[in-house]
PDB file of N, CA and C in Angstrom:
ATOM      1  N   UNK A   1     100.535 114.871 150.670  1.00  0.00           N
ATOM      2  CA  UNK A   1     100.624 115.471 149.363  1.00  0.00           C
ATOM      3  C   UNK A   1     100.134 114.460 148.327  1.00  0.00           C
ATOM      4  N   UNK A   2      99.384 114.922 147.368  1.00  0.00           N
ATOM      5  CA  UNK A   2      98.755 114.065 146.375  1.00  0.00           C
ATOM      6  C   UNK A   2      99.656 113.905 145.143  1.00  0.00           C
ATOM      7  N   UNK A   3      99.720 112.687 144.628  1.00  0.00           N
ATOM      8  CA  UNK A   3     100.501 112.430 143.422  1.00  0.00           C
ATOM      9  C   UNK A   3      99.675 112.842 142.214  1.00  0.00           C
ATOM     10  N   UNK A   4     100.285 113.605 141.315  1.00  0.00           N
ATOM     11  CA  UNK A   4      99.590 114.115 140.135  1.00  0.00           C
ATOM     12  C   UNK A   4      99.960 113.247 138.938  1.00  0.00           C
ATOM     13  N   UNK A   5      98.961 112.856 138.187  1.00  0.00           N
ATOM     14  CA  UNK A   5      99.189 112.070 136.979  1.00  0.00           C
ATOM     15  C   UNK A   5      99.775 112.982 135.906  1.00  0.00           C
ATOM     16  N   UNK A   6     101.027 112.739 135.508  1.00  0.00           N
ATOM     17  CA  UNK A   6     101.691 113.603 134.539  1.00  0.00           C
ATOM     18  C   UNK A   6     101.092 113.492 133.147  1.00  0.00           C
ATOM     19  N   UNK A   7     100.469 112.365 132.821  1.00  0.00           N
ATOM     20  CA  UNK A   7      99.844 112.226 131.511  1.00  0.00           C
ATOM     21  C   UNK A   7      98.660 113.174 131.353  1.00  0.00           C
ATOM     22  N   UNK A   8      98.094 113.573 132.472  1.00  0.00           N
ATOM     23  CA  UNK A   8      96.990 114.522 132.421  1.00  0.00           C
ATOM     24  C   UNK A   8      97.436 115.867 131.839  1.00  0.00           C
ATOM     25  N   UNK A   9      98.683 116.232 132.094  1.00  0.00           N
ATOM     26  CA  UNK A   9      99.205 117.517 131.646  1.00  0.00           C
ATOM     27  C   UNK A   9      99.903 117.441 130.287  1.00  0.00           C
ATOM     28  N   UNK A  10      99.956 116.268 129.693  1.00  0.00           N
ATOM     29  CA  UNK A  10     100.595 116.143 128.381  1.00  0.00           C
ATOM     30  C   UNK A  10      99.802 116.939 127.355  1.00  0.00           C
ATOM     31  N   UNK A  11     100.527 117.623 126.486  1.00  0.00           N
ATOM     32  CA  UNK A  11      99.853 118.437 125.473  1.00  0.00           C
ATOM     33  C   UNK A  11      99.247 117.547 124.400  1.00  0.00           C
ATOM     34  N   UNK A  12      98.022 117.848 124.066  1.00  0.00           N
ATOM     35  CA  UNK A  12      97.339 117.134 123.000  1.00  0.00           C
ATOM     36  C   UNK A  12      97.322 118.029 121.776  1.00  0.00           C
ATOM     37  N   UNK A  13      97.410 117.448 120.580  1.00  0.00           N
ATOM     38  CA  UNK A  13      97.342 118.295 119.390  1.00  0.00           C
ATOM     39  C   UNK A  13      96.011 119.035 119.318  1.00  0.00           C
ATOM     40  N   UNK A  14      96.065 120.273 118.910  1.00  0.00           N
ATOM     41  CA  UNK A  14      94.862 121.094 118.837  1.00  0.00           C
ATOM     42  C   UNK A  14      93.963 120.612 117.702  1.00  0.00           C
ATOM     43  N   UNK A  15      94.587 120.288 116.567  1.00  0.00           N
ATOM     44  CA  UNK A  15      93.816 119.846 115.400  1.00  0.00           C
ATOM     45  C   UNK A  15      94.504 118.616 114.808  1.00  0.00           C
ATOM     46  N   UNK A  16      93.701 117.641 114.397  1.00  0.00           N
ATOM     47  CA  UNK A  16      94.284 116.514 113.681  1.00  0.00           C
ATOM     48  C   UNK A  16      94.306 116.850 112.185  1.00  0.00           C
ATOM     49  N   UNK A  17      94.870 115.954 111.389  1.00  0.00           N
ATOM     50  CA  UNK A  17      95.041 116.225 109.957  1.00  0.00           C
ATOM     51  C   UNK A  17      93.707 116.431 109.242  1.00  0.00           C
ATOM     52  N   UNK A  18      92.672 115.711 109.639  1.00  0.00           N
ATOM     53  CA  UNK A  18      91.360 115.882 109.015  1.00  0.00           C
ATOM     54  C   UNK A  18      90.782 117.265 109.281  1.00  0.00           C
ATOM     55  N   UNK A  19      90.930 117.742 110.512  1.00  0.00           N
ATOM     56  CA  UNK A  19      90.420 119.067 110.850  1.00  0.00           C
ATOM     57  C   UNK A  19      91.217 120.156 110.141  1.00  0.00           C
ATOM     58  N   UNK A  20      92.529 119.955 110.022  1.00  0.00           N
ATOM     59  CA  UNK A  20      93.364 120.933 109.322  1.00  0.00           C
ATOM     60  C   UNK A  20      92.942 121.037 107.867  1.00  0.00           C
ATOM     61  N   UNK A  21      92.794 119.896 107.198  1.00  0.00           N
ATOM     62  CA  UNK A  21      92.417 119.941 105.776  1.00  0.00           C
ATOM     63  C   UNK A  21      91.009 120.508 105.596  1.00  0.00           C
ATOM     64  N   UNK A  22      90.098 120.194 106.500  1.00  0.00           N
ATOM     65  CA  UNK A  22      88.741 120.745 106.418  1.00  0.00           C
ATOM     66  C   UNK A  22      88.747 122.262 106.579  1.00  0.00           C
ATOM     67  N   UNK A  23      89.571 122.758 107.492  1.00  0.00           N
ATOM     68  CA  UNK A  23      89.663 124.198 107.719  1.00  0.00           C
ATOM     69  C   UNK A  23      90.260 124.910 106.501  1.00  0.00           C
ATOM     70  N   UNK A  24      91.282 124.310 105.884  1.00  0.00           N
ATOM     71  CA  UNK A  24      91.886 124.888 104.680  1.00  0.00           C
ATOM     72  C   UNK A  24      90.852 124.978 103.565  1.00  0.00           C
ATOM     73  N   UNK A  25      90.126 123.887 103.344  1.00  0.00           N
ATOM     74  CA  UNK A  25      89.117 123.860 102.275  1.00  0.00           C
ATOM     75  C   UNK A  25      88.009 124.867 102.558  1.00  0.00           C
ATOM     76  N   UNK A  26      87.557 124.950 103.797  1.00  0.00           N
ATOM     77  CA  UNK A  26      86.506 125.893 104.155  1.00  0.00           C
ATOM     78  C   UNK A  26      86.960 127.339 103.907  1.00  0.00           C
ATOM     79  N   UNK A  27      88.181 127.666 104.321  1.00  0.00           N
ATOM     80  CA  UNK A  27      88.705 129.013 104.090  1.00  0.00           C
ATOM     81  C   UNK A  27      88.796 129.325 102.604  1.00  0.00           C
ATOM     82  N   UNK A  28      89.288 128.358 101.821  1.00  0.00           N
ATOM     83  CA  UNK A  28      89.405 128.567 100.373  1.00  0.00           C
ATOM     84  C   UNK A  28      88.027 128.763  99.736  1.00  0.00           C
ATOM     85  N   UNK A  29      87.033 128.012 100.193  1.00  0.00           N
ATOM     86  CA  UNK A  29      85.679 128.151  99.644  1.00  0.00           C
ATOM     87  C   UNK A  29      85.109 129.531  99.941  1.00  0.00           C
ATOM     88  N   UNK A  30      85.347 130.045 101.137  1.00  0.00           N
ATOM     89  CA  UNK A  30      84.870 131.382 101.476  1.00  0.00           C
ATOM     90  C   UNK A  30      85.503 132.440 100.573  1.00  0.00           C
ATOM     91  N   UNK A  31      86.799 132.311 100.353  1.00  0.00           N
ATOM     92  CA  UNK A  31      87.494 133.295  99.517  1.00  0.00           C
ATOM     93  C   UNK A  31      87.074 133.176  98.055  1.00  0.00           C
ATOM     94  N   UNK A  32      86.920 131.955  97.560  1.00  0.00           N
ATOM     95  CA  UNK A  32      86.501 131.757  96.160  1.00  0.00           C
ATOM     96  C   UNK A  32      85.068 132.241  95.937  1.00  0.00           C
ATOM     97  N   UNK A  33      84.202 132.026  96.917  1.00  0.00           N
ATOM     98  CA  UNK A  33      82.820 132.495  96.789  1.00  0.00           C
ATOM     99  C   UNK A  33      82.779 134.019  96.693  1.00  0.00           C
ATOM    100  N   UNK A  34      83.617 134.686  97.465  1.00  0.00           N
ATOM    101  CA  UNK A  34      83.671 136.150  97.396  1.00  0.00           C
ATOM    102  C   UNK A  34      84.211 136.607  96.045  1.00  0.00           C
ATOM    103  N   UNK A  35      85.163 135.866  95.491  1.00  0.00           N
ATOM    104  CA  UNK A  35      85.720 136.224  94.185  1.00  0.00           C
ATOM    105  C   UNK A  35      84.680 136.062  93.076  1.00  0.00           C
ATOM    106  N   UNK A  36      83.827 135.058  93.192  1.00  0.00           N
ATOM    107  CA  UNK A  36      82.789 134.879  92.172  1.00  0.00           C
ATOM    108  C   UNK A  36      81.738 135.985  92.238  1.00  0.00           C
ATOM    109  N   UNK A  37      81.663 136.636  93.410  1.00  0.00           N
ATOM    110  CA  UNK A  37      80.731 137.757  93.564  1.00  0.00           C
ATOM    111  C   UNK A  37      81.385 139.092  93.211  1.00  0.00           C
ATOM    112  N   UNK A  38      82.624 139.038  92.704  1.00  0.00           N
ATOM    113  CA  UNK A  38      83.280 140.254  92.245  1.00  0.00           C
ATOM    114  C   UNK A  38      84.356 140.803  93.152  1.00  0.00           C
ATOM    115  N   UNK A  39      84.662 140.128  94.252  1.00  0.00           N
ATOM    116  CA  UNK A  39      85.714 140.610  95.151  1.00  0.00           C
ATOM    117  C   UNK A  39      87.074 140.504  94.468  1.00  0.00           C
ATOM    118  N   UNK A  40      87.855 141.573  94.551  1.00  0.00           N
ATOM    119  CA  UNK A  40      89.212 141.578  94.014  1.00  0.00           C
ATOM    120  C   UNK A  40      90.191 141.387  95.173  1.00  0.00           C
ATOM    121  N   UNK A  41      90.917 140.259  95.212  1.00  0.00           N
ATOM    122  CA  UNK A  41      91.819 140.000  96.335  1.00  0.00           C
ATOM    123  C   UNK A  41      92.975 141.003  96.391  1.00  0.00           C
ATOM    124  N   UNK A  42      93.330 141.380  97.604  1.00  0.00           N
ATOM    125  CA  UNK A  42      94.515 142.199  97.845  1.00  0.00           C
ATOM    126  C   UNK A  42      95.036 141.866  99.238  1.00  0.00           C
ATOM    127  N   UNK A  43      96.244 142.308  99.525  1.00  0.00           N
ATOM    128  CA  UNK A  43      96.862 141.965 100.806  1.00  0.00           C
ATOM    129  C   UNK A  43      96.190 142.617 102.005  1.00  0.00           C
ATOM    130  N   UNK A  44      95.419 143.654 101.802  1.00  0.00           N
ATOM    131  CA  UNK A  44      94.812 144.357 102.932  1.00  0.00           C
ATOM    132  C   UNK A  44      93.296 144.203 102.985  1.00  0.00           C
ATOM    133  N   UNK A  45      92.769 143.147 102.383  1.00  0.00           N
ATOM    134  CA  UNK A  45      91.318 142.963 102.409  1.00  0.00           C
ATOM    135  C   UNK A  45      90.892 142.162 103.639  1.00  0.00           C
ATOM    136  N   UNK A  46      89.599 141.911 103.743  1.00  0.00           N
ATOM    137  CA  UNK A  46      89.074 141.218 104.923  1.00  0.00           C
ATOM    138  C   UNK A  46      89.440 139.739 104.958  1.00  0.00           C
ATOM    139  N   UNK A  47      89.961 139.185 103.864  1.00  0.00           N
ATOM    140  CA  UNK A  47      90.335 137.771 103.811  1.00  0.00           C
ATOM    141  C   UNK A  47      91.808 137.532 104.120  1.00  0.00           C
ATOM    142  N   UNK A  48      92.553 138.583 104.431  1.00  0.00           N
ATOM    143  CA  UNK A  48      93.969 138.424 104.742  1.00  0.00           C
ATOM    144  C   UNK A  48      94.200 137.481 105.923  1.00  0.00           C
ATOM    145  N   UNK A  49      93.432 137.568 107.006  1.00  0.00           N
ATOM    146  CA  UNK A  49      93.640 136.617 108.100  1.00  0.00           C
ATOM    147  C   UNK A  49      93.434 135.160 107.663  1.00  0.00           C
ATOM    148  N   UNK A  50      92.523 134.916 106.734  1.00  0.00           N
ATOM    149  CA  UNK A  50      92.310 133.552 106.250  1.00  0.00           C
ATOM    150  C   UNK A  50      93.503 133.065 105.430  1.00  0.00           C
ATOM    151  N   UNK A  51      94.108 133.961 104.660  1.00  0.00           N
ATOM    152  CA  UNK A  51      95.295 133.583 103.879  1.00  0.00           C
ATOM    153  C   UNK A  51      96.454 133.211 104.799  1.00  0.00           C
ATOM    154  N   UNK A  52      96.632 133.986 105.851  1.00  0.00           N
ATOM    155  CA  UNK A  52      97.698 133.700 106.823  1.00  0.00           C
ATOM    156  C   UNK A  52      97.413 132.379 107.529  1.00  0.00           C
ATOM    157  N   UNK A  53      96.166 132.165 107.915  1.00  0.00           N
ATOM    158  CA  UNK A  53      95.794 130.915 108.583  1.00  0.00           C
ATOM    159  C   UNK A  53      96.031 129.720 107.658  1.00  0.00           C
ATOM    160  N   UNK A  54      95.653 129.849 106.398  1.00  0.00           N
ATOM    161  CA  UNK A  54      95.868 128.751 105.451  1.00  0.00           C
ATOM    162  C   UNK A  54      97.347 128.464 105.264  1.00  0.00           C
ATOM    163  N   UNK A  55      98.156 129.499 105.228  1.00  0.00           N
ATOM    164  CA  UNK A  55      99.596 129.306 105.080  1.00  0.00           C
ATOM    165  C   UNK A  55     100.153 128.500 106.248  1.00  0.00           C
ATOM    166  N   UNK A  56      99.756 128.854 107.444  1.00  0.00           N
ATOM    167  CA  UNK A  56     100.220 128.140 108.637  1.00  0.00           C
ATOM    168  C   UNK A  56      99.686 126.710 108.652  1.00  0.00           C
ATOM    169  N   UNK A  57      98.413 126.537 108.325  1.00  0.00           N
ATOM    170  CA  UNK A  57      97.823 125.201 108.330  1.00  0.00           C
ATOM    171  C   UNK A  57      98.446 124.290 107.275  1.00  0.00           C
ATOM    172  N   UNK A  58      98.760 124.839 106.106  1.00  0.00           N
ATOM    173  CA  UNK A  58      99.420 124.024 105.073  1.00  0.00           C
ATOM    174  C   UNK A  58     100.781 123.537 105.549  1.00  0.00           C
ATOM    175  N   UNK A  59     101.514 124.405 106.226  1.00  0.00           N
ATOM    176  CA  UNK A  59     102.826 124.001 106.733  1.00  0.00           C
ATOM    177  C   UNK A  59     102.694 122.947 107.843  1.00  0.00           C
ATOM    178  N   UNK A  60     101.657 123.057 108.651  1.00  0.00           N
ATOM    179  CA  UNK A  60     101.415 122.028 109.665  1.00  0.00           C
ATOM    180  C   UNK A  60     101.014 120.707 109.014  1.00  0.00           C
ATOM    181  N   UNK A  61     100.201 120.782 107.992  1.00  0.00           N
ATOM    182  CA  UNK A  61      99.674 119.576 107.344  1.00  0.00           C
ATOM    183  C   UNK A  61     100.755 118.858 106.537  1.00  0.00           C
ATOM    184  N   UNK A  62     101.465 119.595 105.693  1.00  0.00           N
ATOM    185  CA  UNK A  62     102.437 118.977 104.785  1.00  0.00           C
ATOM    186  C   UNK A  62     103.843 118.921 105.351  1.00  0.00           C
ATOM    187  N   UNK A  63     104.160 119.764 106.315  1.00  0.00           N
ATOM    188  CA  UNK A  63     105.506 119.820 106.869  1.00  0.00           C
ATOM    189  C   UNK A  63     106.255 121.023 106.320  1.00  0.00           C
ATOM    190  N   UNK A  64     107.181 121.524 107.112  1.00  0.00           N
ATOM    191  CA  UNK A  64     107.914 122.739 106.750  1.00  0.00           C
ATOM    192  C   UNK A  64     108.780 122.561 105.506  1.00  0.00           C
ATOM    193  N   UNK A  65     109.242 121.357 105.243  1.00  0.00           N
ATOM    194  CA  UNK A  65     110.127 121.145 104.095  1.00  0.00           C
ATOM    195  C   UNK A  65     109.376 120.790 102.812  1.00  0.00           C
ATOM    196  N   UNK A  66     108.064 120.813 102.855  1.00  0.00           N
ATOM    197  CA  UNK A  66     107.249 120.474 101.688  1.00  0.00           C
ATOM    198  C   UNK A  66     107.168 121.646 100.706  1.00  0.00           C
ATOM    199  N   UNK A  67     107.061 121.352  99.400  1.00  0.00           N
ATOM    200  CA  UNK A  67     106.867 122.440  98.436  1.00  0.00           C
ATOM    201  C   UNK A  67     105.507 123.128  98.591  1.00  0.00           C
ATOM    202  N   UNK A  68     104.573 122.510  99.311  1.00  0.00           N
ATOM    203  CA  UNK A  68     103.267 123.117  99.548  1.00  0.00           C
ATOM    204  C   UNK A  68     103.287 124.104 100.708  1.00  0.00           C
ATOM    205  N   UNK A  69     104.379 124.114 101.449  1.00  0.00           N
ATOM    206  CA  UNK A  69     104.539 125.045 102.558  1.00  0.00           C
ATOM    207  C   UNK A  69     105.328 126.251 102.045  1.00  0.00           C
ATOM    208  N   UNK A  70     104.608 127.196 101.466  1.00  0.00           N
ATOM    209  CA  UNK A  70     105.229 128.406 100.936  1.00  0.00           C
ATOM    210  C   UNK A  70     104.877 129.553 101.880  1.00  0.00           C
ATOM    211  N   UNK A  71     105.896 130.211 102.376  1.00  0.00           N
ATOM    212  CA  UNK A  71     105.696 131.301 103.330  1.00  0.00           C
ATOM    213  C   UNK A  71     105.727 132.643 102.605  1.00  0.00           C
ATOM    214  N   UNK A  72     104.554 133.221 102.442  1.00  0.00           N
ATOM    215  CA  UNK A  72     104.442 134.556 101.864  1.00  0.00           C
ATOM    216  C   UNK A  72     104.160 135.596 102.949  1.00  0.00           C
ATOM    217  N   UNK A  73     103.360 135.221 103.941  1.00  0.00           N
ATOM    218  CA  UNK A  73     102.899 136.175 104.939  1.00  0.00           C
ATOM    219  C   UNK A  73     103.548 135.961 106.294  1.00  0.00           C
ATOM    220  N   UNK A  74     104.026 134.762 106.576  1.00  0.00           N
ATOM    221  CA  UNK A  74     104.674 134.481 107.856  1.00  0.00           C
ATOM    222  C   UNK A  74     106.080 133.969 107.592  1.00  0.00           C
ATOM    223  N   UNK A  75     106.960 134.233 108.496  1.00  0.00           N
ATOM    224  CA  UNK A  75     108.359 133.775 108.356  1.00  0.00           C
ATOM    225  C   UNK A  75     108.725 132.885 109.495  1.00  0.00           C
TER     226      UNK A  75
END
């Protein structure tokens, strides 16, 4: 029987802090660009998934107890 290296199975973070902040900024730029073209934001528009993603990413980046982690769409 072969010995398996347990460090191989250790979970690695999916995104580091730089990637999280870049993704937040990119999502915000997409939404702001649409607003400058006349898009009116609402909860059921095509940008809703980006708002939810940004909410989750902000909480990951700043921490759950941060004032920047405001949960409007996820609980």
